[in-house]
Amino acid sequence: MATPKTQYVCSECGAASAKWLGRCPSCNAWNTLVETAAEPTGAKNRYQALARSQPVATLSEIEARDFDRTPTSLEELDRVLGGGIVTGGVVLIGGDPGIGKSTLLLQAVDALSRQMKALYVTGEESGAQVAMRSRRLGLDGSQVRVLAEIGLEKILATIEVEQPDFCVIDSIQTLYSEQLASAPGSVAQVRECAAQLTRTAKATGCAMVLVGHVTKEGALAGPRVLEHIVDTVLYFEGDTHSSYRLVRAIKNRFGAVNEIGVFAMTEKGLKGVTNPSAIFLSTHGEPVPGSCVLVTLEGTRPLLVELQALVDSGGPSPRRLSVGLERDRLAMLLAVLHRHAGVATMDQDVFVNAVGGVRISEPAADLAVLLAIQSSLRGKPLPKGFFAFGEVGLAGEVRPAPRGQERLKEAAKLGFSIAVVPQANAPKKAIPGLTVHAVARIEDAIEVLRGM
């Protein structure tokens, strides 16, 4: 009797079944059986390439050495990757359709082909389409090897013959393995193809980039294990109607997480933006009510972002809407503003927006949000060159923000002259051209604002 090529494994208890069942016979969980490739009996173990066992050693005796990195010549991409690609490293990059993933990777693989052997595997386009895009980007003399294929076994055989140092798979959702009967893009196919490619990268030392699709919610399509087995996860963010794109590191075993790279889409591809703060700042000639500049941290980089607030009469059912910030946190901050500073907005509509489409998740934006709301409510603009940062607690205290000195120096370097910051972030030495108002509570910050 022939050995089946596939089996169904319960994701809860790990029990295997020869056919799909709605309920696991071992743990009685529903809809947990997932199709996987069955290990052939008597065949060579496919994990053997990774099983190069080494003797047990004491952690303190193991030599700690940094990973060798190869820059891609795209400075913003290198920043997100932690300095460049790592031998045997696997990178997963996801983003909305048409946002520029293939364009960026074609530029990167072309630059790397000048110093190493590079392979571009396309499952969504033909070789002629890739060549046409390459000509449009001005990459006429590119030495990149191109393979248009979606069969996993053929791709692995090509990698074995070509022996590239860098390989791009565009995209993982289009590949299929002959060991599975399910269609390309299914959970089983995505997981199996990603696992096999990762094993190949680790065994051969080939740096590999996998392109992934995203769902309507913006998360990477496919199982979460896809993010767990790779070394680095990058998200491509931005509005297709805007020329600016953000590449954000969500996971990085070789560098800092939450690092971002900023690109501008041009006729010749994506170009790095050297001063991204200029994108997120207003172009107003004079200060306007409801606008406050925040110094936020994205990875290791301080960024200046303009926060705008609009307070308007809302009647019996006022709205609270925020774009780029958490809506629940906005409601909490309005309650703190009313309770501890005596500023009531219960009958007002409050709208808050982060300029430039940037998403701010750190709590250090609290103080800037409240000062922008107070400015809009009074109808009085904040002084020119004003900025603020700091976390606000439910008791009305202003908590310190991490790396406050770097934030102050970055704002002073860009010409800002007035700051309201937490007391713990006050500089020990005066910064030339910068007046710092250190506050301990939110009511102190409002009093400073009223005196300006």
Protein backbone atom coordinates (compact mmCIF):
# COMPACT_ATOMS: atom_id res chain seq x y z
CA MET A 1 0.00 0.00 0.00
CA ALA A 2 1.42 3.36 -1.02
CA THR A 3 2.35 5.79 1.73
CA PRO A 4 0.12 8.92 1.64
CA LYS A 5 1.89 12.14 0.73
CA THR A 6 -0.21 14.27 3.08
CA GLN A 7 -1.65 14.03 6.53
CA TYR A 8 -3.82 16.20 8.73
CA VAL A 9 -2.31 17.35 12.01
CA CYS A 10 -4.23 18.94 14.89
CA SER A 11 -2.88 22.40 15.69
CA GLU A 12 -3.98 21.99 19.33
CA CYS A 13 -2.64 18.58 20.39
CA GLY A 14 -0.48 17.48 17.42
CA ALA A 15 -2.45 14.30 16.68
CA ALA A 16 -2.25 13.09 13.05
CA SER A 17 -5.06 11.78 10.88
CA ALA A 18 -5.04 10.28 7.37
CA LYS A 19 -8.09 12.33 6.32
CA TRP A 20 -9.67 15.62 7.28
CA LEU A 21 -12.14 15.57 10.16
CA GLY A 22 -14.20 18.40 11.53
CA ARG A 23 -13.37 17.35 15.10
CA CYS A 24 -10.03 16.08 16.38
CA PRO A 25 -10.47 12.49 17.72
CA SER A 26 -7.79 13.06 20.39
CA CYS A 27 -8.60 16.42 21.99
CA ASN A 28 -12.13 16.92 20.57
CA ALA A 29 -11.28 20.42 19.28
CA TRP A 30 -13.23 21.62 16.26
CA ASN A 31 -11.68 22.74 12.93
CA THR A 32 -8.08 22.28 14.08
CA LEU A 33 -6.87 19.66 11.55
CA VAL A 34 -4.51 21.27 9.02
CA GLU A 35 -3.06 19.57 5.96
CA THR A 36 0.71 19.01 6.10
CA ALA A 37 3.24 17.01 4.14
CA ALA A 38 3.82 13.51 5.51
CA GLU A 39 7.39 12.39 6.13
CA PRO A 40 8.24 9.52 3.74
CA THR A 41 9.28 6.39 5.64
CA GLY A 42 12.82 5.21 5.03
CA ALA A 43 13.66 8.38 3.10
CA LYS A 44 16.50 10.71 3.99
CA ASN A 45 15.42 13.11 6.70
CA ARG A 46 15.00 16.55 5.14
CA TYR A 47 15.97 18.15 8.44
CA GLN A 48 19.40 16.54 8.31
CA ALA A 49 20.94 19.58 6.64
CA LEU A 50 20.06 21.63 9.70
CA ALA A 51 21.05 18.96 12.20
CA ARG A 52 24.77 19.64 12.20
CA SER A 53 25.08 19.01 15.92
CA GLN A 54 27.81 20.71 17.89
CA PRO A 55 29.11 19.75 21.32
CA VAL A 56 27.43 21.25 24.34
CA ALA A 57 29.28 24.38 25.53
CA THR A 58 29.01 26.78 28.43
CA LEU A 59 27.38 30.05 27.41
CA SER A 60 30.17 32.19 28.88
CA GLU A 61 32.76 30.25 26.84
CA ILE A 62 31.02 30.67 23.48
CA GLU A 63 32.61 33.35 21.32
CA ALA A 64 30.16 36.19 20.70
CA ARG A 65 30.72 37.63 17.27
CA ASP A 66 28.60 39.97 15.22
CA PHE A 67 26.97 38.87 11.98
CA ASP A 68 28.60 39.90 8.73
CA ARG A 69 26.30 42.24 6.86
CA THR A 70 26.22 43.18 3.21
CA PRO A 71 24.74 46.66 2.54
CA THR A 72 22.11 46.88 -0.20
CA SER A 73 23.22 50.45 -1.12
CA LEU A 74 19.68 51.63 -0.21
CA GLU A 75 20.42 53.44 3.05
CA GLU A 76 16.83 53.50 4.34
CA LEU A 77 16.41 49.77 3.69
CA ASP A 78 19.75 49.04 5.38
CA ARG A 79 18.60 51.07 8.40
CA VAL A 80 15.50 48.90 8.79
CA LEU A 81 17.44 45.67 8.29
CA GLY A 82 20.00 46.70 10.90
CA GLY A 83 22.85 47.47 8.49
CA GLY A 84 22.29 45.11 5.56
CA ILE A 85 21.48 41.51 4.72
CA VAL A 86 22.88 38.63 6.80
CA THR A 87 24.17 35.37 5.35
CA GLY A 88 21.45 32.73 5.70
CA GLY A 89 18.94 35.28 7.01
CA VAL A 90 15.31 35.10 5.91
CA VAL A 91 13.31 38.34 5.58
CA LEU A 92 9.54 38.50 5.16
CA ILE A 93 8.16 41.74 3.70
CA GLY A 94 4.44 42.44 3.44
CA GLY A 95 2.29 45.30 2.20
CA ASP A 96 -0.77 46.30 0.23
CA PRO A 97 -0.90 45.49 -3.51
CA GLY A 98 0.81 48.10 -5.69
CA ILE A 99 2.57 49.86 -2.82
CA GLY A 100 6.06 49.18 -4.18
CA LYS A 101 7.35 45.90 -2.69
CA SER A 102 8.51 44.44 -6.00
CA THR A 103 9.99 47.78 -7.11
CA LEU A 104 12.05 48.14 -3.93
CA LEU A 105 13.29 44.55 -4.02
CA LEU A 106 14.22 44.77 -7.70
CA GLN A 107 16.33 47.83 -6.91
CA ALA A 108 17.93 46.03 -3.96
CA VAL A 109 18.66 42.81 -5.84
CA ASP A 110 20.14 44.78 -8.74
CA ALA A 111 22.49 46.64 -6.39
CA LEU A 112 23.52 43.41 -4.65
CA SER A 113 24.12 41.61 -7.98
CA ARG A 114 27.19 43.82 -8.47
CA GLN A 115 28.91 42.20 -5.49
CA MET A 116 27.30 38.74 -5.22
CA LYS A 117 25.25 36.24 -7.22
CA ALA A 118 21.56 37.17 -7.04
CA LEU A 119 18.40 35.32 -8.10
CA TYR A 120 14.93 36.84 -8.51
CA VAL A 121 12.09 34.28 -8.49
CA THR A 122 8.79 35.71 -9.69
CA GLY A 123 5.54 33.83 -9.40
CA GLU A 124 3.23 36.71 -10.26
CA GLU A 125 4.92 38.09 -13.39
CA SER A 126 6.69 36.74 -16.43
CA GLY A 127 10.37 37.34 -17.08
CA ALA A 128 9.45 39.89 -19.76
CA GLN A 129 7.38 41.90 -17.28
CA VAL A 130 10.26 41.96 -14.79
CA ALA A 131 12.62 43.07 -17.58
CA MET A 132 10.22 45.83 -18.62
CA ARG A 133 10.02 47.11 -15.03
CA SER A 134 13.80 46.94 -14.79
CA ARG A 135 14.20 49.11 -17.91
CA ARG A 136 11.67 51.59 -16.56
CA LEU A 137 13.71 51.92 -13.37
CA GLY A 138 16.88 52.53 -15.34
CA LEU A 139 18.46 49.16 -14.50
CA ASP A 140 19.48 48.38 -18.08
CA GLY A 141 22.68 46.46 -17.39
CA SER A 142 21.36 44.37 -14.52
CA GLN A 143 23.11 41.04 -13.89
CA VAL A 144 20.24 39.58 -11.86
CA ARG A 145 19.26 36.02 -12.71
CA VAL A 146 15.46 35.71 -13.15
CA LEU A 147 13.27 32.62 -12.79
CA ALA A 148 9.52 32.69 -13.48
CA GLU A 149 8.24 29.64 -11.58
CA ILE A 150 5.69 28.73 -8.89
CA GLY A 151 6.63 25.08 -8.27
CA LEU A 152 8.56 24.83 -4.99
CA GLU A 153 10.52 21.73 -5.98
CA LYS A 154 11.70 23.35 -9.24
CA ILE A 155 12.70 26.53 -7.37
CA LEU A 156 14.71 24.54 -4.83
CA ALA A 157 16.42 22.62 -7.65
CA THR A 158 17.30 25.92 -9.38
CA ILE A 159 18.73 27.33 -6.14
CA GLU A 160 20.85 24.19 -5.80
CA VAL A 161 22.20 24.61 -9.35
CA GLU A 162 22.63 28.40 -9.37
CA GLN A 163 23.90 28.61 -5.77
CA PRO A 164 22.93 32.29 -5.32
CA ASP A 165 24.08 34.37 -2.35
CA PHE A 166 20.84 36.40 -2.35
CA CYS A 167 17.40 35.29 -3.48
CA VAL A 168 14.00 37.04 -3.69
CA ILE A 169 10.75 35.02 -3.75
CA ASP A 170 7.90 37.16 -5.12
CA SER A 171 5.59 36.03 -3.66
CA ILE A 172 5.22 33.20 -1.13
CA GLN A 173 1.44 33.02 -1.68
CA THR A 174 1.87 31.98 -5.34
CA LEU A 175 4.09 28.94 -4.63
CA TYR A 176 2.87 25.38 -4.29
CA SER A 177 4.48 22.11 -3.26
CA GLU A 178 3.69 18.89 -5.08
CA GLN A 179 3.57 17.10 -1.74
CA LEU A 180 0.31 18.89 -0.89
CA ALA A 181 -2.99 18.69 -2.74
CA SER A 182 -4.27 22.10 -1.63
CA ALA A 183 -4.21 25.16 -3.87
CA PRO A 184 -1.46 27.84 -3.83
CA GLY A 185 -2.07 30.46 -1.15
CA SER A 186 -3.74 28.07 1.27
CA VAL A 187 -2.53 27.86 4.86
CA ALA A 188 -0.86 24.49 4.31
CA GLN A 189 0.94 25.55 1.12
CA VAL A 190 2.18 28.86 2.55
CA ARG A 191 3.48 27.21 5.71
CA GLU A 192 5.16 24.29 3.92
CA CYS A 193 6.78 26.45 1.22
CA ALA A 194 8.06 28.99 3.74
CA ALA A 195 9.48 26.24 5.97
CA GLN A 196 11.28 24.52 3.07
CA LEU A 197 12.75 27.80 1.79
CA THR A 198 13.90 28.72 5.30
CA ARG A 199 15.64 25.35 5.68
CA THR A 200 17.35 25.88 2.33
CA ALA A 201 18.52 29.36 3.31
CA LYS A 202 19.96 28.12 6.60
CA ALA A 203 21.64 25.10 5.00
CA THR A 204 23.20 26.92 2.03
CA GLY A 205 23.86 30.35 3.60
CA CYS A 206 21.76 32.10 0.94
CA ALA A 207 20.09 35.28 2.21
CA MET A 208 16.44 35.13 1.21
CA VAL A 209 13.56 37.62 1.02
CA LEU A 210 9.96 36.38 0.92
CA VAL A 211 7.21 38.73 -0.29
CA GLY A 212 3.88 38.22 1.48
CA HIS A 213 0.37 39.47 0.80
CA VAL A 214 -1.69 41.20 3.48
CA THR A 215 -5.31 40.82 4.52
CA LYS A 216 -7.97 43.55 4.59
CA GLU A 217 -7.02 44.21 8.22
CA GLY A 218 -3.41 44.87 7.17
CA ALA A 219 -1.91 41.70 8.71
CA LEU A 220 0.21 39.25 6.75
CA ALA A 221 -1.95 36.64 5.06
CA GLY A 222 -1.40 33.04 6.08
CA PRO A 223 -0.59 31.45 9.44
CA ARG A 224 1.23 33.29 12.20
CA VAL A 225 3.94 30.63 11.99
CA LEU A 226 5.06 32.41 8.83
CA GLU A 227 6.28 35.29 11.00
CA HIS A 228 7.80 32.99 13.60
CA ILE A 229 10.07 30.96 11.32
CA VAL A 230 11.70 33.93 9.56
CA ASP A 231 14.40 36.14 11.04
CA THR A 232 13.04 39.56 10.06
CA VAL A 233 9.52 40.84 9.36
CA LEU A 234 9.07 44.13 7.49
CA TYR A 235 5.80 45.93 6.76
CA PHE A 236 5.41 48.28 3.81
CA GLU A 237 3.09 51.11 4.85
CA GLY A 238 1.71 54.17 3.12
CA ASP A 239 -1.13 55.49 1.04
CA THR A 240 -1.11 54.64 -2.66
CA HIS A 241 -2.34 58.21 -3.29
CA SER A 242 0.78 59.61 -1.62
CA SER A 243 4.32 59.48 -2.95
CA TYR A 244 5.82 58.54 0.43
CA ARG A 245 6.24 54.99 1.75
CA LEU A 246 7.32 53.68 5.15
CA VAL A 247 9.08 50.36 5.73
CA ARG A 248 8.75 49.30 9.36
CA ALA A 249 10.58 46.44 11.12
CA ILE A 250 8.19 44.42 13.31
CA LYS A 251 10.66 41.65 14.12
CA ASN A 252 14.42 41.56 13.62
CA ARG A 253 16.79 39.00 15.11
CA PHE A 254 19.76 40.97 13.78
CA GLY A 255 18.76 44.57 14.61
CA ALA A 256 16.35 46.94 16.33
CA VAL A 257 12.59 46.53 16.00
CA ASN A 258 10.18 49.39 15.21
CA GLU A 259 12.90 50.93 13.05
CA ILE A 260 11.50 52.68 9.98
CA GLY A 261 12.82 53.63 6.57
CA VAL A 262 11.19 56.44 4.60
CA PHE A 263 11.04 56.35 0.80
CA ALA A 264 9.63 58.60 -1.90
CA MET A 265 8.13 57.01 -5.02
CA THR A 266 9.59 58.56 -8.18
CA GLU A 267 9.65 57.69 -11.89
CA LYS A 268 12.96 55.89 -11.31
CA GLY A 269 11.75 53.84 -8.34
CA LEU A 270 11.93 54.39 -4.60
CA LYS A 271 14.42 56.91 -3.27
CA GLY A 272 15.39 57.24 0.40
CA VAL A 273 14.31 60.39 2.26
CA THR A 274 17.22 61.83 4.25
CA ASN A 275 15.13 64.22 6.39
CA PRO A 276 11.80 62.46 7.05
CA SER A 277 10.72 65.02 9.67
CA ALA A 278 10.01 67.46 6.83
CA ILE A 279 7.27 65.11 5.57
CA PHE A 280 5.36 65.04 8.85
CA LEU A 281 5.58 68.77 9.61
CA SER A 282 3.10 71.39 8.47
CA THR A 283 3.73 73.83 5.66
CA HIS A 284 1.89 76.68 7.43
CA GLY A 285 3.70 80.00 7.19
CA GLU A 286 2.35 81.06 10.59
CA PRO A 287 1.17 78.94 13.56
CA VAL A 288 -2.49 77.90 13.52
CA PRO A 289 -4.76 76.89 16.45
CA GLY A 290 -4.90 73.18 17.24
CA SER A 291 -1.43 72.31 15.96
CA CYS A 292 1.39 70.95 18.14
CA VAL A 293 4.68 69.32 17.13
CA LEU A 294 5.67 66.05 18.79
CA VAL A 295 9.13 64.49 18.90
CA THR A 296 8.50 60.75 18.64
CA LEU A 297 10.88 57.80 18.44
CA GLU A 298 10.74 55.27 15.62
CA GLY A 299 13.33 52.66 16.52
CA THR A 300 16.59 54.55 16.97
CA ARG A 301 15.47 57.62 15.01
CA PRO A 302 13.81 60.72 16.55
CA LEU A 303 11.09 62.10 14.26
CA LEU A 304 9.19 65.37 14.43
CA VAL A 305 5.50 64.88 13.69
CA GLU A 306 2.76 67.48 13.68
CA LEU A 307 -0.38 66.59 15.61
CA GLN A 308 -3.55 68.49 14.70
CA ALA A 309 -6.68 68.76 16.85
CA LEU A 310 -10.04 70.25 15.99
CA VAL A 311 -12.59 70.91 18.76
CA ASP A 312 -16.09 71.89 17.61
CA SER A 313 -19.55 71.95 19.15
CA GLY A 314 -21.02 68.47 18.94
CA GLY A 315 -24.42 68.63 20.61
CA PRO A 316 -25.80 65.85 22.80
CA SER A 317 -23.72 63.05 21.22
CA PRO A 318 -20.17 64.35 20.71
CA ARG A 319 -17.72 62.35 18.58
CA ARG A 320 -14.15 61.38 19.40
CA LEU A 321 -12.16 60.48 16.31
CA SER A 322 -8.42 59.98 15.92
CA VAL A 323 -6.32 59.12 12.86
CA GLY A 324 -2.84 57.78 13.52
CA LEU A 325 -3.42 57.48 17.29
CA GLU A 326 -5.45 55.16 19.53
CA ARG A 327 -9.08 56.26 19.87
CA ASP A 328 -9.50 54.75 23.34
CA ARG A 329 -6.44 56.63 24.59
CA LEU A 330 -7.93 59.88 23.25
CA ALA A 331 -11.08 59.33 25.33
CA MET A 332 -8.95 58.66 28.41
CA LEU A 333 -6.87 61.81 27.87
CA LEU A 334 -10.00 63.96 27.54
CA ALA A 335 -11.21 62.64 30.90
CA VAL A 336 -7.82 63.46 32.49
CA LEU A 337 -7.92 66.94 30.95
CA HIS A 338 -11.36 67.58 32.46
CA ARG A 339 -10.70 66.10 35.89
CA HIS A 340 -7.25 67.52 36.60
CA ALA A 341 -7.02 70.67 34.44
CA GLY A 342 -10.66 71.78 34.46
CA VAL A 343 -10.95 71.82 30.66
CA ALA A 344 -14.35 70.37 29.69
CA THR A 345 -15.02 68.92 26.22
CA MET A 346 -18.03 66.71 27.02
CA ASP A 347 -20.30 68.67 24.64
CA GLN A 348 -17.63 69.07 21.93
CA ASP A 349 -16.58 66.99 18.95
CA VAL A 350 -12.85 66.24 19.19
CA PHE A 351 -10.86 65.19 16.12
CA VAL A 352 -7.12 64.39 16.28
CA ASN A 353 -4.87 63.64 13.30
CA ALA A 354 -1.18 62.79 12.82
CA VAL A 355 0.01 64.62 9.69
CA GLY A 356 1.60 62.60 6.89
CA GLY A 357 -0.17 59.30 7.54
CA VAL A 358 2.28 58.24 10.27
CA ARG A 359 0.99 55.94 13.04
CA ILE A 360 2.02 56.83 16.58
CA SER A 361 1.77 54.10 19.19
CA GLU A 362 4.02 55.38 21.99
CA PRO A 363 2.39 57.10 25.00
CA ALA A 364 4.87 60.00 24.80
CA ALA A 365 2.39 61.66 22.43
CA ASP A 366 -0.12 62.27 25.26
CA LEU A 367 1.10 65.73 26.27
CA ALA A 368 1.28 67.02 22.68
CA VAL A 369 -2.27 65.77 22.02
CA LEU A 370 -3.69 67.56 25.07
CA LEU A 371 -1.89 70.82 24.28
CA ALA A 372 -3.18 70.70 20.68
CA ILE A 373 -6.75 70.15 21.99
CA GLN A 374 -6.39 73.06 24.43
CA SER A 375 -5.05 75.29 21.64
CA SER A 376 -7.99 74.46 19.37
CA LEU A 377 -10.51 74.96 22.18
CA ARG A 378 -9.11 78.43 22.98
CA GLY A 379 -8.68 79.32 19.31
CA LYS A 380 -5.15 80.47 20.05
CA PRO A 381 -2.13 79.01 18.22
CA LEU A 382 0.93 77.76 20.04
CA PRO A 383 4.09 79.88 19.66
CA LYS A 384 6.27 79.39 16.61
CA GLY A 385 8.97 76.79 17.24
CA PHE A 386 6.95 75.03 19.98
CA PHE A 387 7.00 71.27 20.61
CA ALA A 388 6.13 68.87 23.44
CA PHE A 389 6.33 65.23 24.47
CA GLY A 390 5.51 63.19 27.58
CA GLU A 391 3.15 60.50 28.87
CA VAL A 392 0.12 61.57 30.91
CA GLY A 393 -1.20 59.27 33.65
CA LEU A 394 -4.73 58.95 35.00
CA ALA A 395 -3.70 60.83 38.13
CA GLY A 396 -2.72 63.82 36.00
CA GLU A 397 1.03 63.32 36.34
CA VAL A 398 3.35 63.83 33.35
CA ARG A 399 5.66 60.85 33.11
CA PRO A 400 9.09 60.90 31.42
CA ALA A 401 9.65 59.67 27.88
CA PRO A 402 12.60 57.42 26.98
CA ARG A 403 15.68 59.05 25.45
CA GLY A 404 14.42 62.55 26.15
CA GLN A 405 17.82 64.20 25.58
CA GLU A 406 17.99 62.85 22.01
CA ARG A 407 14.49 64.20 21.32
CA LEU A 408 15.43 67.67 22.59
CA LYS A 409 18.65 67.77 20.56
CA GLU A 410 16.88 66.66 17.38
CA ALA A 411 14.24 69.41 17.74
CA ALA A 412 16.88 72.05 18.51
CA LYS A 413 18.85 70.95 15.45
CA LEU A 414 15.79 71.61 13.27
CA GLY A 415 15.30 75.12 14.68
CA PHE A 416 12.65 74.60 17.38
CA SER A 417 13.07 76.91 20.35
CA ILE A 418 10.30 76.26 22.97
CA ALA A 419 9.59 72.92 24.65
CA VAL A 420 7.21 71.59 27.29
CA VAL A 421 8.55 68.29 28.60
CA PRO A 422 8.27 66.08 31.71
CA GLN A 423 10.29 67.20 34.69
CA ALA A 424 12.44 64.06 34.56
CA ASN A 425 13.42 64.86 30.95
CA ALA A 426 14.67 68.38 31.71
CA PRO A 427 18.26 68.73 30.42
CA LYS A 428 21.00 69.07 33.03
CA LYS A 429 22.91 71.41 30.73
CA ALA A 430 21.21 74.16 28.77
CA ILE A 431 20.77 73.46 25.05
CA PRO A 432 21.69 76.55 22.98
CA GLY A 433 18.65 78.26 21.45
CA LEU A 434 16.14 76.07 23.32
CA THR A 435 13.86 77.17 26.18
CA VAL A 436 12.62 74.16 28.15
CA HIS A 437 9.56 74.26 30.45
CA ALA A 438 9.65 71.17 32.69
CA VAL A 439 6.26 70.20 34.15
CA ALA A 440 5.23 67.55 36.68
CA ARG A 441 1.43 67.59 36.13
CA ILE A 442 -0.98 68.30 33.30
CA GLU A 443 -2.38 71.40 35.04
CA ASP A 444 1.16 72.83 35.13
CA ALA A 445 1.44 72.33 31.36
CA ILE A 446 -1.90 74.07 30.77
CA GLU A 447 -0.77 77.02 32.95
CA VAL A 448 2.46 77.31 30.92
CA LEU A 449 0.36 77.30 27.75
CA ARG A 450 -1.97 80.03 29.03
CA GLY A 451 1.00 82.24 29.86
CA MET A 452 2.35 82.16 26.32
